[in-house]
Structures are given as structure tokens and as C-alpha cells.
């Protein structure tokens, strides 16, 4: 499995709904509320052969209430 993180900016007043939708879809390992430019920080795992771009496009960016995303691809755990 390969891990990646995503910062999610939500429409005003939608961060709890977006977080709940991600949790209910059972697609994330961890979901955190954050302060700053983005509202949520989410950790995902996909199969090694999986495509991060397709996953983000098909599973995340279709969730109502998401305004913007930033994907952080990881390479190695220490």
C-alpha cells in the first residue's frame, strides 16, 4: 500500500459534513481538522498499483462541500 495525504478546503460551514462523508465512505485512514488555509488533513492508503490522480478525482473531489484540495504524495516512511 502507498500512503498520501490531502489537505481539503471546504465551502464555508461544510467542513463537518465533508469530514463525515469521508469517514462514512471508509476511504481514509485518518481525518483531522486543521487551522490555516485548509480545513482538513486526511491520510489515505491505496494499492501500490493504484493511481492517486484517479482516486482523488473519483473518490474525493466528487464530495459535496469541497472547494479545493492539495495532494501530498509520500515516498518513504522512516
Protein backbone atom coordinates (compact mmCIF):
# COMPACT_ATOMS: atom_id res chain seq x y z
CA UNK A 1 0.00 0.00 0.00
CA UNK A 2 1.15 3.53 -0.65
CA UNK A 3 0.18 6.46 1.51
CA UNK A 4 -0.62 10.02 0.56
CA UNK A 5 -2.10 12.98 2.35
CA UNK A 6 -4.62 15.53 1.21
CA UNK A 7 -5.39 18.97 2.51
CA UNK A 8 -9.00 19.90 1.87
CA UNK A 9 -10.53 23.36 1.83
CA UNK A 10 -14.28 23.25 2.36
CA UNK A 11 -17.07 25.64 1.49
CA UNK A 12 -17.95 27.82 4.46
CA UNK A 13 -19.83 25.84 7.10
CA UNK A 14 -19.29 22.48 5.36
CA UNK A 15 -16.16 21.03 6.99
CA UNK A 16 -18.01 18.71 9.39
CA UNK A 17 -20.24 17.42 6.58
CA UNK A 18 -17.22 16.82 4.34
CA UNK A 19 -15.30 15.06 7.12
CA UNK A 20 -18.33 12.87 7.90
CA UNK A 21 -18.73 11.97 4.23
CA UNK A 22 -15.10 10.89 4.02
CA UNK A 23 -15.36 8.83 7.21
CA UNK A 24 -18.68 7.25 6.12
CA UNK A 25 -17.17 6.28 2.74
CA UNK A 26 -14.45 4.33 4.61
CA UNK A 27 -11.75 5.51 2.19
CA UNK A 28 -9.43 7.31 4.63
CA UNK A 29 -7.08 6.08 7.28
CA UNK A 30 -7.21 9.28 9.36
CA UNK A 31 -9.12 12.59 9.18
CA UNK A 32 -8.03 15.69 11.10
CA UNK A 33 -9.47 19.18 11.42
CA UNK A 34 -6.80 21.84 10.91
CA UNK A 35 -6.38 25.60 11.23
CA UNK A 36 -4.97 27.73 8.45
CA UNK A 37 -5.52 27.74 4.71
CA UNK A 38 -7.13 24.29 4.67
CA UNK A 39 -9.85 22.82 6.89
CA UNK A 40 -9.00 19.11 6.86
CA UNK A 41 -5.91 16.91 6.63
CA UNK A 42 -6.65 13.37 5.50
CA UNK A 43 -4.40 10.32 5.18
CA UNK A 44 -5.20 7.75 2.52
CA UNK A 45 -3.75 4.39 1.53
CA UNK A 46 -4.21 2.94 -1.94
CA UNK A 47 -2.75 -0.21 -3.53
CA UNK A 48 0.81 0.16 -4.88
CA UNK A 49 -0.52 -0.09 -8.42
CA UNK A 50 -3.29 2.42 -7.71
CA UNK A 51 -3.37 5.85 -9.35
CA UNK A 52 -3.51 8.76 -6.91
CA UNK A 53 -4.95 11.13 -9.52
CA UNK A 54 -7.84 8.84 -10.38
CA UNK A 55 -8.54 8.16 -6.70
CA UNK A 56 -8.65 11.88 -5.90
CA UNK A 57 -10.80 12.68 -8.92
CA UNK A 58 -13.27 9.82 -8.47
CA UNK A 59 -13.47 9.43 -4.67
CA UNK A 60 -12.67 12.82 -3.10
CA UNK A 61 -13.38 15.73 -5.40
CA UNK A 62 -16.93 14.49 -6.00
CA UNK A 63 -17.88 15.01 -2.33
CA UNK A 64 -20.23 17.99 -1.98
CA UNK A 65 -18.81 20.89 0.02
CA UNK A 66 -15.18 20.58 -1.11
CA UNK A 67 -13.82 23.81 -2.50
CA UNK A 68 -10.14 22.98 -3.12
CA UNK A 69 -7.62 20.21 -2.49
CA UNK A 70 -3.86 19.84 -2.20
CA UNK A 71 -2.40 16.36 -2.57
CA UNK A 72 0.85 15.44 -0.84
CA UNK A 73 2.42 12.26 -2.21
CA UNK A 74 4.76 10.45 0.18
CA UNK A 75 7.73 8.32 -0.79
CA UNK A 76 9.18 6.63 2.27
CA UNK A 77 8.44 6.20 5.97
CA UNK A 78 11.30 6.45 8.45
